[in-house]
Amino acid sequence: QVQLVESGGGLVQPGGSLRLSCAASRRTFSIYAMGWFRQAPGKEREFVAATIWSGGRTMYTDSVKGRFTISSDSAKNTVYLQMNSLKPEDTAVYYCAAGRGGWSQAASSYDYWGQGTQVTVSS
């Protein structure tokens, strides 16, 4: 079992930045991909970004390309999501996820989930 704990959410003005962190309780070789998802009120959970522990491979949903950056620090068992140029439509609960099944944007491919952290972009 792997526990994931997110932090770094909060209230930020449009155009501002936040960095989310996701700390894993332990590193297992069964975990291949680490992802970030988000869910806004009244909407389904959607994929945001993913990476692999060793780095060098990332993918993003189109709406965040050029603004968000996902990275990993395997020594700290931590994955980050740097969010720049934030927009009101980025407001959501952001979830960290860990997957054993491979490289995918589908939530069903991820096996472990954090509790979520709220990001609110508003003036």
C-alpha atoms as a PDB file:
ATOM      1  CA  GLN A   1       0.000   0.000   0.000  1.00  0.00           C
ATOM      2  CA  VAL A   2       1.194   3.523  -0.809  1.00  0.00           C
ATOM      3  CA  GLN A   3      -0.150   6.611   0.918  1.00  0.00           C
ATOM      4  CA  LEU A   4      -0.052   9.904  -0.945  1.00  0.00           C
ATOM      5  CA  VAL A   5      -0.299  13.275   0.766  1.00  0.00           C
ATOM      6  CA  GLU A   6      -0.783  16.474  -1.214  1.00  0.00           C
ATOM      7  CA  SER A   7       0.057  19.965  -0.025  1.00  0.00           C
ATOM      8  CA  GLY A   8       0.522  23.447  -1.417  1.00  0.00           C
ATOM      9  CA  GLY A   9      -3.000  24.399  -2.414  1.00  0.00           C
ATOM     10  CA  GLY A  10      -4.581  27.707  -1.575  1.00  0.00           C
ATOM     11  CA  LEU A  11      -6.104  30.913  -2.859  1.00  0.00           C
ATOM     12  CA  VAL A  12      -4.252  32.801  -5.577  1.00  0.00           C
ATOM     13  CA  GLN A  13      -5.104  35.675  -7.893  1.00  0.00           C
ATOM     14  CA  PRO A  14      -5.372  35.149 -11.657  1.00  0.00           C
ATOM     15  CA  GLY A  15      -1.921  35.155 -13.197  1.00  0.00           C
ATOM     16  CA  GLY A  16      -0.344  33.910  -9.994  1.00  0.00           C
ATOM     17  CA  SER A  17       1.552  30.718  -9.223  1.00  0.00           C
ATOM     18  CA  LEU A  18       1.361  27.773  -6.849  1.00  0.00           C
ATOM     19  CA  ARG A  19       3.435  24.652  -6.392  1.00  0.00           C
ATOM     20  CA  LEU A  20       1.711  21.481  -5.304  1.00  0.00           C
ATOM     21  CA  SER A  21       3.621  18.651  -3.664  1.00  0.00           C
ATOM     22  CA  CYS A  22       2.722  14.982  -3.372  1.00  0.00           C
ATOM     23  CA  ALA A  23       4.689  12.929  -0.868  1.00  0.00           C
ATOM     24  CA  ALA A  24       4.541   9.148  -1.177  1.00  0.00           C
ATOM     25  CA  SER A  25       4.849   7.052   1.975  1.00  0.00           C
ATOM     26  CA  ARG A  26       7.284   4.744   0.240  1.00  0.00           C
ATOM     27  CA  ARG A  27       8.785   4.067  -3.095  1.00  0.00           C
ATOM     28  CA  THR A  28       7.948   0.783  -4.767  1.00  0.00           C
ATOM     29  CA  PHE A  29       9.201  -0.466  -8.073  1.00  0.00           C
ATOM     30  CA  SER A  30       5.652  -1.437  -8.903  1.00  0.00           C
ATOM     31  CA  ILE A  31       4.722   2.221  -9.265  1.00  0.00           C
ATOM     32  CA  TYR A  32       5.474   3.427 -12.771  1.00  0.00           C
ATOM     33  CA  ALA A  33       3.564   6.663 -13.284  1.00  0.00           C
ATOM     34  CA  MET A  34       2.673   9.545 -11.014  1.00  0.00           C
ATOM     35  CA  GLY A  35      -0.139  11.822 -12.056  1.00  0.00           C
ATOM     36  CA  TRP A  36      -2.111  14.876 -11.117  1.00  0.00           C
ATOM     37  CA  PHE A  37      -5.843  15.095 -11.657  1.00  0.00           C
ATOM     38  CA  ARG A  38      -8.359  17.769 -10.753  1.00  0.00           C
ATOM     39  CA  GLN A  39     -12.068  17.992 -10.123  1.00  0.00           C
ATOM     40  CA  ALA A  40     -14.083  21.186 -10.224  1.00  0.00           C
ATOM     41  CA  PRO A  41     -17.536  21.450  -8.619  1.00  0.00           C
ATOM     42  CA  GLY A  42     -20.146  19.707 -10.738  1.00  0.00           C
ATOM     43  CA  LYS A  43     -17.566  18.292 -13.125  1.00  0.00           C
ATOM     44  CA  GLU A  44     -15.871  14.952 -13.583  1.00  0.00           C
ATOM     45  CA  ARG A  45     -12.317  14.347 -12.470  1.00  0.00           C
ATOM     46  CA  GLU A  46      -9.914  15.184 -15.279  1.00  0.00           C
ATOM     47  CA  PHE A  47      -6.296  14.408 -16.060  1.00  0.00           C
ATOM     48  CA  VAL A  48      -3.809  17.259 -15.655  1.00  0.00           C
ATOM     49  CA  ALA A  49      -0.265  15.869 -15.936  1.00  0.00           C
ATOM     50  CA  ALA A  50       1.834  12.756 -15.417  1.00  0.00           C
ATOM     51  CA  THR A  51       5.458  11.749 -15.101  1.00  0.00           C
ATOM     52  CA  ILE A  52       7.532   8.716 -14.214  1.00  0.00           C
ATOM     53  CA  TRP A  53       9.749   8.476 -11.137  1.00  0.00           C
ATOM     54  CA  SER A  54      12.958   8.450 -13.105  1.00  0.00           C
ATOM     55  CA  GLY A  55      11.914  11.573 -14.973  1.00  0.00           C
ATOM     56  CA  GLY A  56      12.398  12.249 -18.629  1.00  0.00           C
ATOM     57  CA  ARG A  57       8.849  11.515 -19.608  1.00  0.00           C
ATOM     58  CA  THR A  58       5.880  13.812 -19.075  1.00  0.00           C
ATOM     59  CA  MET A  59       2.481  14.507 -20.546  1.00  0.00           C
ATOM     60  CA  TYR A  60      -0.080  17.243 -20.022  1.00  0.00           C
ATOM     61  CA  THR A  61      -3.629  17.996 -20.868  1.00  0.00           C
ATOM     62  CA  ASP A  62      -3.831  20.683 -23.546  1.00  0.00           C
ATOM     63  CA  SER A  63      -5.325  23.366 -21.296  1.00  0.00           C
ATOM     64  CA  VAL A  64      -2.252  23.468 -19.028  1.00  0.00           C
ATOM     65  CA  LYS A  65       0.562  23.020 -21.549  1.00  0.00           C
ATOM     66  CA  GLY A  66       3.091  25.818 -21.251  1.00  0.00           C
ATOM     67  CA  ARG A  67       1.746  26.855 -17.837  1.00  0.00           C
ATOM     68  CA  PHE A  68       2.121  23.773 -15.612  1.00  0.00           C
ATOM     69  CA  THR A  69       5.225  21.660 -15.057  1.00  0.00           C
ATOM     70  CA  ILE A  70       5.310  18.260 -13.394  1.00  0.00           C
ATOM     71  CA  SER A  71       8.529  16.980 -11.859  1.00  0.00           C
ATOM     72  CA  SER A  72       9.706  14.280  -9.486  1.00  0.00           C
ATOM     73  CA  ASP A  73      12.343  13.915  -6.808  1.00  0.00           C
ATOM     74  CA  SER A  74      12.844  10.211  -6.299  1.00  0.00           C
ATOM     75  CA  ALA A  75      15.178  10.765  -3.351  1.00  0.00           C
ATOM     76  CA  LYS A  76      12.330  12.467  -1.498  1.00  0.00           C
ATOM     77  CA  ASN A  77       9.555  10.263  -2.912  1.00  0.00           C
ATOM     78  CA  THR A  78       7.844  13.492  -3.935  1.00  0.00           C
ATOM     79  CA  VAL A  79       6.173  14.713  -7.097  1.00  0.00           C
ATOM     80  CA  TYR A  80       5.534  18.374  -7.778  1.00  0.00           C
ATOM     81  CA  LEU A  81       3.171  20.363  -9.945  1.00  0.00           C
ATOM     82  CA  GLN A  82       4.354  23.905 -10.621  1.00  0.00           C
ATOM     83  CA  MET A  83       1.401  25.962 -11.785  1.00  0.00           C
ATOM     84  CA  ASN A  84       2.023  29.342 -13.384  1.00  0.00           C
ATOM     85  CA  SER A  85      -0.267  31.878 -15.066  1.00  0.00           C
ATOM     86  CA  LEU A  86      -3.209  30.463 -13.168  1.00  0.00           C
ATOM     87  CA  LYS A  87      -6.711  31.113 -14.452  1.00  0.00           C
ATOM     88  CA  PRO A  88     -10.081  31.005 -12.696  1.00  0.00           C
ATOM     89  CA  GLU A  89     -10.901  27.872 -14.667  1.00  0.00           C
ATOM     90  CA  ASP A  90      -8.004  26.107 -12.927  1.00  0.00           C
ATOM     91  CA  THR A  91     -10.012  26.234  -9.699  1.00  0.00           C
ATOM     92  CA  ALA A  92     -10.531  22.667  -8.491  1.00  0.00           C
ATOM     93  CA  VAL A  93      -9.499  20.060  -5.982  1.00  0.00           C
ATOM     94  CA  TYR A  94      -6.194  18.637  -7.190  1.00  0.00           C
ATOM     95  CA  TYR A  95      -5.422  14.973  -6.584  1.00  0.00           C
ATOM     96  CA  CYS A  96      -2.157  13.107  -6.770  1.00  0.00           C
ATOM     97  CA  ALA A  97      -2.232   9.535  -8.052  1.00  0.00           C
ATOM     98  CA  ALA A  98       0.185   6.633  -8.459  1.00  0.00           C
ATOM     99  CA  GLY A  99      -0.210   3.953 -11.072  1.00  0.00           C
ATOM    100  CA  ARG A 100       1.256   0.518 -11.668  1.00  0.00           C
ATOM    101  CA  GLY A 101      -0.454  -0.157 -14.922  1.00  0.00           C
ATOM    102  CA  GLY A 102       1.447   1.995 -17.356  1.00  0.00           C
ATOM    103  CA  TRP A 103       1.391   5.310 -19.128  1.00  0.00           C
ATOM    104  CA  SER A 104      -2.123   6.688 -19.280  1.00  0.00           C
ATOM    105  CA  GLN A 105      -4.357   9.722 -18.790  1.00  0.00           C
ATOM    106  CA  ALA A 106      -7.209   7.541 -17.567  1.00  0.00           C
ATOM    107  CA  ALA A 107      -8.009   7.760 -13.884  1.00  0.00           C
ATOM    108  CA  SER A 108      -8.799   4.050 -13.905  1.00  0.00           C
ATOM    109  CA  SER A 109      -5.120   3.320 -14.619  1.00  0.00           C
ATOM    110  CA  TYR A 110      -4.041   4.764 -11.284  1.00  0.00           C
ATOM    111  CA  ASP A 111      -4.131   2.635  -8.160  1.00  0.00           C
ATOM    112  CA  TYR A 112      -3.449   4.997  -5.268  1.00  0.00           C
ATOM    113  CA  TRP A 113      -4.894   8.437  -4.605  1.00  0.00           C
ATOM    114  CA  GLY A 114      -4.280  11.276  -2.207  1.00  0.00           C
ATOM    115  CA  GLN A 115      -6.998  13.128  -0.345  1.00  0.00           C
ATOM    116  CA  GLY A 116      -6.781  16.208  -2.552  1.00  0.00           C
ATOM    117  CA  THR A 117      -5.828  19.833  -2.059  1.00  0.00           C
ATOM    118  CA  GLN A 118      -8.004  22.815  -2.966  1.00  0.00           C
ATOM    119  CA  VAL A 119      -6.748  25.362  -5.481  1.00  0.00           C
ATOM    120  CA  THR A 120      -8.839  28.509  -5.885  1.00  0.00           C
ATOM    121  CA  VAL A 121      -7.985  31.146  -8.457  1.00  0.00           C
ATOM    122  CA  SER A 122      -9.923  34.305  -7.837  1.00  0.00           C
ATOM    123  CA  SER A 123      -9.469  38.042  -7.523  1.00  0.00           C
END
